[in-house]
């Protein structure tokens, strides 16, 4: 039920990708980031560890509809130099 609620809340659709740097030993990584793409007939893209530059590259290349991560990760991504530069174009 938690996963289905998550899928509905994020409005995940079939075929969408979910890029996740979350570790699979954590509930967010092993349950939400793994089962949500399965439940929504999407694709899970994993990173071996969190790197804001790689996260942004994967979001773009995989056309990710969902950003998986904790607030600190979101903050680091939003402060990544290339991301900030792109926002100011």
C-alpha atoms as a PDB file:
ATOM      1  CA  UNK A   1       0.000   0.000   0.000  1.00  0.00           C
ATOM      2  CA  UNK A   2       2.853   2.399   0.758  1.00  0.00           C
ATOM      3  CA  UNK A   3       4.345   1.829  -2.696  1.00  0.00           C
ATOM      4  CA  UNK A   4       1.007   2.275  -4.469  1.00  0.00           C
ATOM      5  CA  UNK A   5       0.413   5.474  -2.515  1.00  0.00           C
ATOM      6  CA  UNK A   6       3.906   6.655  -3.494  1.00  0.00           C
ATOM      7  CA  UNK A   7       3.240   5.879  -7.179  1.00  0.00           C
ATOM      8  CA  UNK A   8      -0.072   7.762  -7.069  1.00  0.00           C
ATOM      9  CA  UNK A   9       1.397  10.747  -5.195  1.00  0.00           C
ATOM     10  CA  UNK A  10       4.288  11.097  -7.660  1.00  0.00           C
ATOM     11  CA  UNK A  11       1.930  10.388 -10.584  1.00  0.00           C
ATOM     12  CA  UNK A  12       4.376   7.836 -11.969  1.00  0.00           C
ATOM     13  CA  UNK A  13       3.350   6.498 -15.367  1.00  0.00           C
ATOM     14  CA  UNK A  14       4.282   3.349 -17.306  1.00  0.00           C
ATOM     15  CA  UNK A  15       7.606   3.659 -19.090  1.00  0.00           C
ATOM     16  CA  UNK A  16       8.969   6.487 -16.943  1.00  0.00           C
ATOM     17  CA  UNK A  17      12.375   6.160 -15.361  1.00  0.00           C
ATOM     18  CA  UNK A  18      13.260   6.632 -11.715  1.00  0.00           C
ATOM     19  CA  UNK A  19      16.895   7.610 -11.089  1.00  0.00           C
ATOM     20  CA  UNK A  20      17.825   6.753  -7.522  1.00  0.00           C
ATOM     21  CA  UNK A  21      21.056   7.157  -5.600  1.00  0.00           C
ATOM     22  CA  UNK A  22      19.448   5.706  -2.462  1.00  0.00           C
ATOM     23  CA  UNK A  23      21.229   2.716  -0.915  1.00  0.00           C
ATOM     24  CA  UNK A  24      19.357  -0.557  -1.236  1.00  0.00           C
ATOM     25  CA  UNK A  25      19.871  -1.339   2.463  1.00  0.00           C
ATOM     26  CA  UNK A  26      17.525   1.564   3.310  1.00  0.00           C
ATOM     27  CA  UNK A  27      13.729   1.445   3.105  1.00  0.00           C
ATOM     28  CA  UNK A  28      13.650   4.282   0.569  1.00  0.00           C
ATOM     29  CA  UNK A  29      16.077   2.415  -1.673  1.00  0.00           C
ATOM     30  CA  UNK A  30      14.883  -1.158  -1.339  1.00  0.00           C
ATOM     31  CA  UNK A  31      11.151  -0.466  -1.145  1.00  0.00           C
ATOM     32  CA  UNK A  32      10.168   2.859  -2.695  1.00  0.00           C
ATOM     33  CA  UNK A  33      12.935   3.246  -5.284  1.00  0.00           C
ATOM     34  CA  UNK A  34      12.732  -0.426  -6.299  1.00  0.00           C
ATOM     35  CA  UNK A  35       9.070  -1.362  -6.018  1.00  0.00           C
ATOM     36  CA  UNK A  36       7.618   1.936  -7.276  1.00  0.00           C
ATOM     37  CA  UNK A  37       9.116   1.568 -10.780  1.00  0.00           C
ATOM     38  CA  UNK A  38       7.941  -2.052 -10.828  1.00  0.00           C
ATOM     39  CA  UNK A  39       4.419  -1.102  -9.701  1.00  0.00           C
ATOM     40  CA  UNK A  40       4.230   1.679 -12.294  1.00  0.00           C
ATOM     41  CA  UNK A  41       5.796  -0.429 -15.088  1.00  0.00           C
ATOM     42  CA  UNK A  42       8.746   1.955 -15.189  1.00  0.00           C
ATOM     43  CA  UNK A  43      12.523   1.654 -15.117  1.00  0.00           C
ATOM     44  CA  UNK A  44      14.830   1.931 -12.131  1.00  0.00           C
ATOM     45  CA  UNK A  45      18.258   3.485 -12.736  1.00  0.00           C
ATOM     46  CA  UNK A  46      20.704   3.021  -9.864  1.00  0.00           C
ATOM     47  CA  UNK A  47      23.878   4.870  -8.962  1.00  0.00           C
ATOM     48  CA  UNK A  48      26.570   2.986  -7.027  1.00  0.00           C
ATOM     49  CA  UNK A  49      26.955   6.063  -4.766  1.00  0.00           C
ATOM     50  CA  UNK A  50      25.600   9.585  -4.725  1.00  0.00           C
ATOM     51  CA  UNK A  51      27.341  12.095  -6.954  1.00  0.00           C
ATOM     52  CA  UNK A  52      25.367  15.257  -7.825  1.00  0.00           C
ATOM     53  CA  UNK A  53      26.952  15.570 -11.277  1.00  0.00           C
ATOM     54  CA  UNK A  54      26.210  11.952 -12.154  1.00  0.00           C
ATOM     55  CA  UNK A  55      22.686  12.337 -10.755  1.00  0.00           C
ATOM     56  CA  UNK A  56      22.030  15.291 -13.084  1.00  0.00           C
ATOM     57  CA  UNK A  57      23.534  13.460 -16.071  1.00  0.00           C
ATOM     58  CA  UNK A  58      21.358  10.411 -15.416  1.00  0.00           C
ATOM     59  CA  UNK A  59      18.219  12.500 -14.907  1.00  0.00           C
ATOM     60  CA  UNK A  60      18.829  14.082 -18.309  1.00  0.00           C
ATOM     61  CA  UNK A  61      20.000  11.007 -20.231  1.00  0.00           C
ATOM     62  CA  UNK A  62      17.318   8.718 -18.790  1.00  0.00           C
ATOM     63  CA  UNK A  63      14.651  11.448 -18.929  1.00  0.00           C
ATOM     64  CA  UNK A  64      13.868  10.705 -15.312  1.00  0.00           C
ATOM     65  CA  UNK A  65      10.423  11.698 -14.121  1.00  0.00           C
ATOM     66  CA  UNK A  66      11.275  11.230 -10.447  1.00  0.00           C
ATOM     67  CA  UNK A  67      14.216  12.365  -8.337  1.00  0.00           C
ATOM     68  CA  UNK A  68      14.883   9.822  -5.625  1.00  0.00           C
ATOM     69  CA  UNK A  69      16.898  11.053  -2.682  1.00  0.00           C
ATOM     70  CA  UNK A  70      16.936  12.787   0.658  1.00  0.00           C
ATOM     71  CA  UNK A  71      16.812  16.593   1.130  1.00  0.00           C
ATOM     72  CA  UNK A  72      20.604  16.859   1.460  1.00  0.00           C
ATOM     73  CA  UNK A  73      21.009  15.200  -1.940  1.00  0.00           C
ATOM     74  CA  UNK A  74      18.481  17.600  -3.481  1.00  0.00           C
ATOM     75  CA  UNK A  75      20.372  20.519  -1.979  1.00  0.00           C
ATOM     76  CA  UNK A  76      23.702  19.291  -3.357  1.00  0.00           C
ATOM     77  CA  UNK A  77      22.188  18.804  -6.815  1.00  0.00           C
ATOM     78  CA  UNK A  78      20.624  22.288  -6.794  1.00  0.00           C
ATOM     79  CA  UNK A  79      24.035  23.809  -5.946  1.00  0.00           C
ATOM     80  CA  UNK A  80      25.980  21.888  -8.605  1.00  0.00           C
ATOM     81  CA  UNK A  81      27.819  24.503 -10.739  1.00  0.00           C
ATOM     82  CA  UNK A  82      26.580  23.289 -14.151  1.00  0.00           C
ATOM     83  CA  UNK A  83      22.994  23.140 -12.856  1.00  0.00           C
ATOM     84  CA  UNK A  84      23.167  26.674 -11.438  1.00  0.00           C
ATOM     85  CA  UNK A  85      24.776  27.921 -14.666  1.00  0.00           C
ATOM     86  CA  UNK A  86      21.980  26.350 -16.746  1.00  0.00           C
ATOM     87  CA  UNK A  87      19.323  28.017 -14.578  1.00  0.00           C
ATOM     88  CA  UNK A  88      20.805  31.458 -15.243  1.00  0.00           C
ATOM     89  CA  UNK A  89      20.869  31.158 -19.048  1.00  0.00           C
END
